[in-house]
Amino acid sequence: MPKYRVLKSFTDLQDDNHMYRVGDKYPRSGRGKKERIEELSGSDNLQKRPLIAEVVEEKKEGDK
Protein backbone atom coordinates (compact mmCIF):
# COMPACT_ATOMS: atom_id res chain seq x y z
CA MET A 1 0.00 0.00 0.00
CA PRO A 2 1.37 3.44 -0.90
CA LYS A 3 2.23 5.86 1.88
CA TYR A 4 0.60 9.27 2.19
CA ARG A 5 1.43 12.53 4.01
CA VAL A 6 -0.91 15.31 5.06
CA LEU A 7 -0.55 18.52 3.02
CA LYS A 8 -3.16 20.58 4.88
CA SER A 9 -4.45 19.99 8.41
CA PHE A 10 -7.95 18.56 8.63
CA THR A 11 -10.32 16.70 10.91
CA ASP A 12 -11.33 13.38 9.38
CA LEU A 13 -15.08 13.16 9.83
CA GLN A 14 -14.99 9.49 8.76
CA ASP A 15 -12.37 8.55 11.39
CA ASP A 16 -13.96 9.56 14.72
CA ASN A 17 -13.01 13.22 14.08
CA HIS A 18 -9.30 12.38 14.22
CA MET A 19 -7.17 15.50 13.67
CA TYR A 20 -4.46 15.18 11.02
CA ARG A 21 -1.77 17.85 10.95
CA VAL A 22 0.59 18.84 8.14
CA GLY A 23 3.30 16.20 7.78
CA ASP A 24 1.36 13.41 9.55
CA LYS A 25 1.17 9.99 7.94
CA TYR A 26 -2.19 9.02 6.47
CA PRO A 27 -3.98 6.81 7.33
CA ARG A 28 -3.33 6.04 10.95
CA SER A 29 -3.25 2.35 11.79
CA GLY A 30 -4.26 1.21 8.31
CA ARG A 31 -7.70 2.77 8.53
CA GLY A 32 -7.72 4.28 5.03
CA LYS A 33 -9.96 2.95 2.32
CA LYS A 34 -9.22 3.41 -1.38
CA GLU A 35 -12.27 5.63 -1.93
CA ARG A 36 -11.39 7.85 1.05
CA ILE A 37 -7.77 8.19 -0.07
CA GLU A 38 -8.95 9.21 -3.55
CA GLU A 39 -11.33 11.76 -2.02
CA LEU A 40 -8.66 13.31 0.23
CA SER A 41 -5.95 13.35 -2.44
CA GLY A 42 -8.20 15.18 -4.92
CA SER A 43 -10.62 18.08 -4.72
CA ASP A 44 -13.78 16.04 -4.12
CA ASN A 45 -13.87 16.77 -0.37
CA LEU A 46 -15.31 19.49 1.86
CA GLN A 47 -12.20 21.68 1.57
CA LYS A 48 -12.20 21.35 -2.25
CA ARG A 49 -8.42 20.80 -2.40
CA PRO A 50 -5.96 17.92 -1.98
CA LEU A 51 -5.35 17.25 1.72
CA ILE A 52 -2.95 14.31 1.35
CA ALA A 53 -0.34 13.25 -1.20
CA GLU A 54 1.43 10.00 -1.93
CA VAL A 55 4.99 9.82 -0.63
CA VAL A 56 7.40 8.97 -3.42
CA GLU A 57 10.56 7.46 -2.00
CA GLU A 58 13.75 7.96 -3.97
CA LYS A 59 15.78 4.86 -4.62
CA LYS A 60 19.29 4.85 -3.21
CA GLU A 61 22.29 3.56 -5.12
CA GLY A 62 22.38 -0.20 -4.93
CA ASP A 63 18.61 -0.54 -4.37
CA LYS A 64 16.70 -2.68 -6.84
C-alpha atoms as a PDB file:
ATOM      1  CA  MET A   1       0.000   0.000   0.000  1.00  0.00           C
ATOM      2  CA  PRO A   2       1.370   3.439  -0.902  1.00  0.00           C
ATOM      3  CA  LYS A   3       2.226   5.856   1.882  1.00  0.00           C
ATOM      4  CA  TYR A   4       0.604   9.275   2.191  1.00  0.00           C
ATOM      5  CA  ARG A   5       1.428  12.528   4.013  1.00  0.00           C
ATOM      6  CA  VAL A   6      -0.908  15.309   5.058  1.00  0.00           C
ATOM      7  CA  LEU A   7      -0.555  18.518   3.015  1.00  0.00           C
ATOM      8  CA  LYS A   8      -3.160  20.585   4.882  1.00  0.00           C
ATOM      9  CA  SER A   9      -4.447  19.993   8.411  1.00  0.00           C
ATOM     10  CA  PHE A  10      -7.954  18.563   8.626  1.00  0.00           C
ATOM     11  CA  THR A  11     -10.320  16.697  10.906  1.00  0.00           C
ATOM     12  CA  ASP A  12     -11.328  13.376   9.381  1.00  0.00           C
ATOM     13  CA  LEU A  13     -15.076  13.160   9.826  1.00  0.00           C
ATOM     14  CA  GLN A  14     -14.992   9.492   8.763  1.00  0.00           C
ATOM     15  CA  ASP A  15     -12.371   8.546  11.394  1.00  0.00           C
ATOM     16  CA  ASP A  16     -13.964   9.556  14.720  1.00  0.00           C
ATOM     17  CA  ASN A  17     -13.013  13.220  14.082  1.00  0.00           C
ATOM     18  CA  HIS A  18      -9.300  12.380  14.223  1.00  0.00           C
ATOM     19  CA  MET A  19      -7.168  15.495  13.673  1.00  0.00           C
ATOM     20  CA  TYR A  20      -4.460  15.183  11.018  1.00  0.00           C
ATOM     21  CA  ARG A  21      -1.766  17.850  10.953  1.00  0.00           C
ATOM     22  CA  VAL A  22       0.590  18.841   8.144  1.00  0.00           C
ATOM     23  CA  GLY A  23       3.300  16.198   7.783  1.00  0.00           C
ATOM     24  CA  ASP A  24       1.363  13.414   9.551  1.00  0.00           C
ATOM     25  CA  LYS A  25       1.168   9.987   7.939  1.00  0.00           C
ATOM     26  CA  TYR A  26      -2.193   9.024   6.469  1.00  0.00           C
ATOM     27  CA  PRO A  27      -3.983   6.812   7.327  1.00  0.00           C
ATOM     28  CA  ARG A  28      -3.328   6.044  10.946  1.00  0.00           C
ATOM     29  CA  SER A  29      -3.246   2.346  11.793  1.00  0.00           C
ATOM     30  CA  GLY A  30      -4.260   1.210   8.314  1.00  0.00           C
ATOM     31  CA  ARG A  31      -7.703   2.772   8.525  1.00  0.00           C
ATOM     32  CA  GLY A  32      -7.718   4.284   5.028  1.00  0.00           C
ATOM     33  CA  LYS A  33      -9.958   2.946   2.315  1.00  0.00           C
ATOM     34  CA  LYS A  34      -9.219   3.407  -1.375  1.00  0.00           C
ATOM     35  CA  GLU A  35     -12.273   5.627  -1.925  1.00  0.00           C
ATOM     36  CA  ARG A  36     -11.389   7.852   1.049  1.00  0.00           C
ATOM     37  CA  ILE A  37      -7.768   8.191  -0.065  1.00  0.00           C
ATOM     38  CA  GLU A  38      -8.947   9.209  -3.551  1.00  0.00           C
ATOM     39  CA  GLU A  39     -11.326  11.763  -2.020  1.00  0.00           C
ATOM     40  CA  LEU A  40      -8.663  13.313   0.227  1.00  0.00           C
ATOM     41  CA  SER A  41      -5.953  13.351  -2.441  1.00  0.00           C
ATOM     42  CA  GLY A  42      -8.203  15.185  -4.917  1.00  0.00           C
ATOM     43  CA  SER A  43     -10.616  18.084  -4.724  1.00  0.00           C
ATOM     44  CA  ASP A  44     -13.779  16.038  -4.119  1.00  0.00           C
ATOM     45  CA  ASN A  45     -13.871  16.769  -0.374  1.00  0.00           C
ATOM     46  CA  LEU A  46     -15.314  19.487   1.862  1.00  0.00           C
ATOM     47  CA  GLN A  47     -12.199  21.684   1.566  1.00  0.00           C
ATOM     48  CA  LYS A  48     -12.196  21.349  -2.250  1.00  0.00           C
ATOM     49  CA  ARG A  49      -8.421  20.797  -2.403  1.00  0.00           C
ATOM     50  CA  PRO A  50      -5.958  17.924  -1.978  1.00  0.00           C
ATOM     51  CA  LEU A  51      -5.348  17.246   1.722  1.00  0.00           C
ATOM     52  CA  ILE A  52      -2.952  14.307   1.352  1.00  0.00           C
ATOM     53  CA  ALA A  53      -0.337  13.249  -1.200  1.00  0.00           C
ATOM     54  CA  GLU A  54       1.427   9.995  -1.931  1.00  0.00           C
ATOM     55  CA  VAL A  55       4.987   9.825  -0.632  1.00  0.00           C
ATOM     56  CA  VAL A  56       7.396   8.967  -3.418  1.00  0.00           C
ATOM     57  CA  GLU A  57      10.557   7.464  -2.003  1.00  0.00           C
ATOM     58  CA  GLU A  58      13.748   7.955  -3.966  1.00  0.00           C
ATOM     59  CA  LYS A  59      15.782   4.859  -4.620  1.00  0.00           C
ATOM     60  CA  LYS A  60      19.293   4.848  -3.206  1.00  0.00           C
ATOM     61  CA  GLU A  61      22.287   3.565  -5.123  1.00  0.00           C
ATOM     62  CA  GLY A  62      22.377  -0.196  -4.934  1.00  0.00           C
ATOM     63  CA  ASP A  63      18.606  -0.543  -4.374  1.00  0.00           C
ATOM     64  CA  LYS A  64      16.704  -2.683  -6.840  1.00  0.00           C
END
